Amino acid sequence: MDAYRLLGDDERAAAHARSVIRISTGPNGTEISPMRAAEARLTLGVAAARTSEIEEAIGMGTAALEADRAAPHRPQPRCRRPRASGDDRTVTTVPELSAWEAEIIWVPFGR
């Protein structure tokens, strides 16, 4: 999308931008990747401006700049890791994960 826009191929840039907006929107209509969708709207706005569709360009630019910049709430990441023989607890918080990372033994490459 960005490469086509920079090359001036507005038709392909717009097609990719519409695709990005489609895959950035969940089945219930919420935006999963709001910043990526906003960037796609800016691309659509640039493409519209280059074809003298000023109202469309303004609308897309305004929608892009008014976008919520935070993704919807996602469940906190979880990972499973053995702590000791037979212990398979789940790490649920970042501080706990950071403490776990401190326990990792780093092995140099080639061994």
N, C-alpha and C. Protein backbone atom coordinates (compact mmCIF):
# COMPACT_ATOMS: atom_id res chain seq x y z
N MET A 1 0.83 -1.19 0.00
CA MET A 1 0.00 0.00 0.00
C MET A 1 0.87 1.25 0.00
N ASP A 2 1.81 1.31 0.93
CA ASP A 2 2.68 2.49 1.04
C ASP A 2 3.61 2.61 -0.16
N ALA A 3 4.14 1.49 -0.60
CA ALA A 3 5.06 1.53 -1.74
C ALA A 3 4.33 2.01 -2.99
N TYR A 4 3.13 1.50 -3.23
CA TYR A 4 2.37 1.95 -4.39
C TYR A 4 2.03 3.43 -4.29
N ARG A 5 1.69 3.89 -3.09
CA ARG A 5 1.38 5.31 -2.91
C ARG A 5 2.61 6.16 -3.22
N LEU A 6 3.77 5.74 -2.70
CA LEU A 6 5.00 6.50 -2.95
C LEU A 6 5.39 6.49 -4.42
N LEU A 7 5.08 5.40 -5.12
CA LEU A 7 5.38 5.32 -6.55
C LEU A 7 4.36 6.07 -7.40
N GLY A 8 3.26 6.49 -6.78
CA GLY A 8 2.24 7.23 -7.52
C GLY A 8 1.20 6.33 -8.17
N ASP A 9 1.22 5.04 -7.88
CA ASP A 9 0.24 4.11 -8.42
C ASP A 9 -0.96 4.10 -7.47
N ASP A 10 -1.77 5.14 -7.60
CA ASP A 10 -2.87 5.35 -6.65
C ASP A 10 -3.95 4.27 -6.72
N GLU A 11 -4.16 3.71 -7.90
CA GLU A 11 -5.18 2.67 -8.03
C GLU A 11 -4.81 1.44 -7.21
N ARG A 12 -3.58 0.98 -7.31
CA ARG A 12 -3.14 -0.18 -6.53
C ARG A 12 -3.03 0.17 -5.04
N ALA A 13 -2.56 1.38 -4.75
CA ALA A 13 -2.46 1.80 -3.34
C ALA A 13 -3.83 1.79 -2.69
N ALA A 14 -4.83 2.30 -3.39
CA ALA A 14 -6.19 2.34 -2.85
C ALA A 14 -6.76 0.93 -2.68
N ALA A 15 -6.47 0.05 -3.64
CA ALA A 15 -6.96 -1.33 -3.54
C ALA A 15 -6.36 -2.01 -2.30
N HIS A 16 -5.08 -1.83 -2.09
CA HIS A 16 -4.44 -2.43 -0.92
C HIS A 16 -4.94 -1.77 0.37
N ALA A 17 -5.17 -0.46 0.34
CA ALA A 17 -5.67 0.24 1.52
C ALA A 17 -7.05 -0.28 1.92
N ARG A 18 -7.92 -0.51 0.93
CA ARG A 18 -9.25 -1.06 1.24
C ARG A 18 -9.12 -2.47 1.83
N SER A 19 -8.16 -3.23 1.32
CA SER A 19 -7.90 -4.56 1.86
C SER A 19 -7.43 -4.49 3.31
N VAL A 20 -6.53 -3.56 3.60
CA VAL A 20 -6.02 -3.38 4.95
C VAL A 20 -7.15 -3.02 5.91
N ILE A 21 -8.02 -2.13 5.49
CA ILE A 21 -9.16 -1.73 6.33
C ILE A 21 -10.06 -2.94 6.57
N ARG A 22 -10.30 -3.73 5.54
CA ARG A 22 -11.17 -4.90 5.68
C ARG A 22 -10.58 -5.91 6.67
N ILE A 23 -9.28 -6.21 6.57
CA ILE A 23 -8.70 -7.21 7.47
C ILE A 23 -8.38 -6.63 8.85
N SER A 24 -8.43 -5.30 8.97
CA SER A 24 -8.20 -4.65 10.27
C SER A 24 -9.49 -4.49 11.06
N THR A 25 -10.59 -4.96 10.51
CA THR A 25 -11.89 -4.83 11.15
C THR A 25 -12.42 -6.22 11.51
N GLY A 26 -12.79 -6.38 12.77
CA GLY A 26 -13.30 -7.66 13.25
C GLY A 26 -14.70 -7.92 12.74
N PRO A 27 -15.21 -9.13 12.95
CA PRO A 27 -16.54 -9.50 12.48
C PRO A 27 -17.66 -8.65 13.08
N ASN A 28 -17.42 -8.12 14.29
CA ASN A 28 -18.45 -7.29 14.93
C ASN A 28 -18.30 -5.81 14.58
N GLY A 29 -17.37 -5.47 13.68
CA GLY A 29 -17.22 -4.09 13.24
C GLY A 29 -16.18 -3.28 13.98
N THR A 30 -15.59 -3.82 15.06
CA THR A 30 -14.56 -3.08 15.78
C THR A 30 -13.23 -3.23 15.06
N GLU A 31 -12.44 -2.18 15.15
CA GLU A 31 -11.14 -2.21 14.49
C GLU A 31 -10.14 -2.94 15.37
N ILE A 32 -9.53 -3.96 14.82
CA ILE A 32 -8.54 -4.76 15.54
C ILE A 32 -7.20 -4.04 15.53
N SER A 33 -6.88 -3.40 14.41
CA SER A 33 -5.61 -2.67 14.25
C SER A 33 -5.92 -1.23 13.85
N PRO A 34 -6.29 -0.39 14.82
CA PRO A 34 -6.75 0.95 14.48
C PRO A 34 -5.69 1.83 13.81
N MET A 35 -4.44 1.70 14.20
CA MET A 35 -3.41 2.55 13.60
C MET A 35 -3.15 2.13 12.15
N ARG A 36 -3.16 0.84 11.89
CA ARG A 36 -2.95 0.37 10.52
C ARG A 36 -4.12 0.80 9.64
N ALA A 37 -5.34 0.73 10.16
CA ALA A 37 -6.51 1.17 9.41
C ALA A 37 -6.46 2.68 9.17
N ALA A 38 -5.98 3.44 10.15
CA ALA A 38 -5.84 4.89 9.98
C ALA A 38 -4.84 5.21 8.89
N GLU A 39 -3.74 4.47 8.85
CA GLU A 39 -2.75 4.66 7.79
C GLU A 39 -3.35 4.35 6.42
N ALA A 40 -4.18 3.31 6.36
CA ALA A 40 -4.85 2.97 5.11
C ALA A 40 -5.81 4.09 4.68
N ARG A 41 -6.50 4.69 5.65
CA ARG A 41 -7.40 5.81 5.31
C ARG A 41 -6.61 7.01 4.79
N LEU A 42 -5.42 7.24 5.36
CA LEU A 42 -4.58 8.32 4.84
C LEU A 42 -4.18 8.03 3.39
N THR A 43 -3.86 6.78 3.10
CA THR A 43 -3.53 6.41 1.72
C THR A 43 -4.72 6.64 0.80
N LEU A 44 -5.91 6.26 1.26
CA LEU A 44 -7.12 6.52 0.45
C LEU A 44 -7.34 8.02 0.26
N GLY A 45 -7.03 8.79 1.30
CA GLY A 45 -7.16 10.25 1.19
C GLY A 45 -6.18 10.83 0.19
N VAL A 46 -4.95 10.36 0.20
CA VAL A 46 -3.94 10.84 -0.77
C VAL A 46 -4.37 10.47 -2.18
N ALA A 47 -4.83 9.23 -2.36
CA ALA A 47 -5.29 8.79 -3.68
C ALA A 47 -6.45 9.64 -4.16
N ALA A 48 -7.37 9.96 -3.27
CA ALA A 48 -8.52 10.80 -3.65
C ALA A 48 -8.07 12.22 -3.98
N ALA A 49 -7.14 12.75 -3.21
CA ALA A 49 -6.65 14.11 -3.47
C ALA A 49 -5.96 14.19 -4.83
N ARG A 50 -5.23 13.15 -5.19
CA ARG A 50 -4.52 13.15 -6.48
C ARG A 50 -5.47 13.05 -7.66
N THR A 51 -6.69 12.58 -7.41
CA THR A 51 -7.68 12.53 -8.50
C THR A 51 -8.71 13.65 -8.35
N SER A 52 -8.36 14.66 -7.57
CA SER A 52 -9.18 15.86 -7.37
C SER A 52 -10.51 15.59 -6.68
N GLU A 53 -10.61 14.51 -5.94
CA GLU A 53 -11.81 14.24 -5.15
C GLU A 53 -11.57 14.82 -3.75
N ILE A 54 -11.68 16.14 -3.64
CA ILE A 54 -11.29 16.86 -2.44
C ILE A 54 -12.14 16.47 -1.23
N GLU A 55 -13.45 16.36 -1.40
CA GLU A 55 -14.32 16.00 -0.27
C GLU A 55 -13.97 14.62 0.28
N GLU A 56 -13.71 13.67 -0.63
CA GLU A 56 -13.32 12.32 -0.22
C GLU A 56 -11.98 12.35 0.52
N ALA A 57 -11.05 13.14 -0.01
CA ALA A 57 -9.72 13.25 0.62
C ALA A 57 -9.83 13.83 2.02
N ILE A 58 -10.62 14.86 2.18
CA ILE A 58 -10.81 15.49 3.50
C ILE A 58 -11.48 14.52 4.46
N GLY A 59 -12.50 13.81 3.97
CA GLY A 59 -13.21 12.85 4.82
C GLY A 59 -12.30 11.73 5.30
N MET A 60 -11.49 11.18 4.39
CA MET A 60 -10.58 10.10 4.77
C MET A 60 -9.49 10.60 5.71
N GLY A 61 -8.95 11.77 5.42
CA GLY A 61 -7.92 12.34 6.29
C GLY A 61 -8.45 12.62 7.69
N THR A 62 -9.64 13.17 7.77
CA THR A 62 -10.26 13.45 9.06
C THR A 62 -10.54 12.17 9.83
N ALA A 63 -11.08 11.16 9.14
CA ALA A 63 -11.36 9.87 9.80
C ALA A 63 -10.07 9.24 10.30
N ALA A 64 -9.00 9.36 9.54
CA ALA A 64 -7.71 8.77 9.95
C ALA A 64 -7.17 9.47 11.19
N LEU A 65 -7.26 10.78 11.22
CA LEU A 65 -6.70 11.53 12.35
C LEU A 65 -7.56 11.44 13.61
N GLU A 66 -8.83 11.11 13.45
CA GLU A 66 -9.72 10.97 14.61
C GLU A 66 -9.77 9.54 15.14
N ALA A 67 -9.03 8.64 14.53
CA ALA A 67 -9.08 7.23 14.92
C ALA A 67 -8.57 7.03 16.34
N ASP A 68 -9.19 6.07 17.01
CA ASP A 68 -8.73 5.67 18.34
C ASP A 68 -7.39 4.98 18.17
N ARG A 69 -6.40 5.43 18.91
CA ARG A 69 -5.05 4.91 18.72
C ARG A 69 -4.73 3.71 19.60
N ALA A 70 -5.71 3.18 20.26
CA ALA A 70 -5.49 2.02 21.12
C ALA A 70 -6.29 0.84 20.58
N ALA A 71 -5.67 -0.29 20.54
CA ALA A 71 -6.37 -1.50 20.10
C ALA A 71 -7.37 -1.90 21.18
N PRO A 72 -8.43 -2.60 20.79
CA PRO A 72 -9.39 -3.05 21.79
C PRO A 72 -8.72 -3.95 22.81
N HIS A 73 -9.33 -4.06 23.97
CA HIS A 73 -8.74 -4.88 25.04
C HIS A 73 -8.53 -6.30 24.55
N ARG A 74 -7.35 -6.77 24.77
CA ARG A 74 -7.03 -8.16 24.44
C ARG A 74 -6.65 -8.85 25.73
N PRO A 75 -6.93 -10.13 25.81
CA PRO A 75 -6.53 -10.85 27.02
C PRO A 75 -5.03 -10.76 27.23
N GLN A 76 -4.63 -10.73 28.48
CA GLN A 76 -3.21 -10.64 28.79
C GLN A 76 -2.49 -11.89 28.28
N PRO A 77 -1.32 -11.71 27.66
CA PRO A 77 -0.61 -12.88 27.15
C PRO A 77 -0.26 -13.86 28.26
N ARG A 78 -0.30 -15.11 27.92
CA ARG A 78 0.02 -16.16 28.89
C ARG A 78 1.02 -17.10 28.24
N CYS A 79 1.89 -17.65 29.02
CA CYS A 79 2.79 -18.67 28.50
C CYS A 79 2.98 -19.74 29.56
N ARG A 80 3.30 -20.92 29.10
CA ARG A 80 3.53 -22.02 30.02
C ARG A 80 5.01 -22.33 29.99
N ARG A 81 5.56 -22.56 31.14
CA ARG A 81 6.97 -22.90 31.21
C ARG A 81 7.24 -23.73 32.46
N PRO A 82 8.12 -24.68 32.35
CA PRO A 82 8.47 -25.46 33.53
C PRO A 82 9.37 -24.65 34.44
N ARG A 83 9.08 -24.66 35.71
CA ARG A 83 9.89 -23.93 36.67
C ARG A 83 10.85 -24.88 37.39
N ALA A 84 10.37 -26.00 37.72
CA ALA A 84 11.18 -27.05 38.34
C ALA A 84 10.58 -28.37 37.87
N SER A 85 11.19 -29.41 38.21
CA SER A 85 10.73 -30.72 37.77
C SER A 85 9.25 -30.93 38.14
N GLY A 86 8.42 -31.12 37.15
CA GLY A 86 7.01 -31.38 37.38
C GLY A 86 6.16 -30.13 37.60
N ASP A 87 6.76 -28.95 37.73
CA ASP A 87 6.01 -27.72 37.97
C ASP A 87 5.66 -27.09 36.63
N ASP A 88 4.37 -26.92 36.34
CA ASP A 88 3.94 -26.38 35.06
C ASP A 88 2.94 -25.24 35.29
N ARG A 89 3.33 -24.26 36.10
CA ARG A 89 2.45 -23.13 36.39
C ARG A 89 2.38 -22.19 35.19
N THR A 90 1.37 -21.33 35.17
CA THR A 90 1.17 -20.39 34.09
C THR A 90 1.59 -18.99 34.53
N VAL A 91 2.37 -18.34 33.70
CA VAL A 91 2.77 -16.95 33.95
C VAL A 91 1.67 -16.06 33.39
N THR A 92 1.17 -15.13 34.20
CA THR A 92 0.08 -14.29 33.72
C THR A 92 0.38 -12.81 33.77
N THR A 93 1.43 -12.41 34.44
CA THR A 93 1.70 -10.98 34.53
C THR A 93 3.09 -10.68 33.99
N VAL A 94 3.26 -9.48 33.47
CA VAL A 94 4.55 -9.09 32.93
C VAL A 94 5.64 -9.08 33.98
N PRO A 95 5.42 -8.54 35.21
CA PRO A 95 6.48 -8.60 36.21
C PRO A 95 6.91 -10.03 36.52
N GLU A 96 5.94 -10.94 36.60
CA GLU A 96 6.28 -12.34 36.86
C GLU A 96 7.07 -12.91 35.68
N LEU A 97 6.67 -12.55 34.47
CA LEU A 97 7.39 -13.01 33.29
C LEU A 97 8.81 -12.48 33.30
N SER A 98 8.99 -11.21 33.67
CA SER A 98 10.33 -10.63 33.73
C SER A 98 11.19 -11.36 34.75
N ALA A 99 10.61 -11.73 35.89
CA ALA A 99 11.36 -12.48 36.89
C ALA A 99 11.74 -13.84 36.33
N TRP A 100 10.84 -14.45 35.56
CA TRP A 100 11.13 -15.74 34.96
C TRP A 100 12.25 -15.60 33.94
N GLU A 101 12.22 -14.52 33.14
CA GLU A 101 13.27 -14.31 32.14
C GLU A 101 14.64 -14.20 32.80
N ALA A 102 14.69 -13.66 34.01
CA ALA A 102 15.97 -13.54 34.72
C ALA A 102 16.54 -14.89 35.08
N GLU A 103 15.69 -15.94 35.13
CA GLU A 103 16.15 -17.28 35.47
C GLU A 103 16.70 -18.04 34.27
N ILE A 104 16.54 -17.50 33.07
CA ILE A 104 16.97 -18.20 31.87
C ILE A 104 18.49 -18.28 31.85
N ILE A 105 18.99 -19.44 31.49
CA ILE A 105 20.44 -19.63 31.35
C ILE A 105 20.75 -19.47 29.86
N TRP A 106 21.57 -18.50 29.54
CA TRP A 106 21.92 -18.24 28.15
C TRP A 106 23.08 -19.12 27.74
N VAL A 107 22.94 -19.78 26.61
CA VAL A 107 23.99 -20.66 26.08
C VAL A 107 24.56 -19.99 24.84
N PRO A 108 25.87 -19.82 24.77
CA PRO A 108 26.47 -19.19 23.59
C PRO A 108 26.21 -20.01 22.33
N PHE A 109 26.19 -19.33 21.17
CA PHE A 109 26.01 -20.02 19.91
C PHE A 109 27.16 -21.01 19.68
N GLY A 110 26.87 -22.09 19.01
CA GLY A 110 27.89 -23.05 18.66
C GLY A 110 28.07 -24.17 19.66
N ARG A 111 27.30 -24.16 20.71
CA ARG A 111 27.42 -25.25 21.70
C ARG A 111 26.28 -26.20 21.57
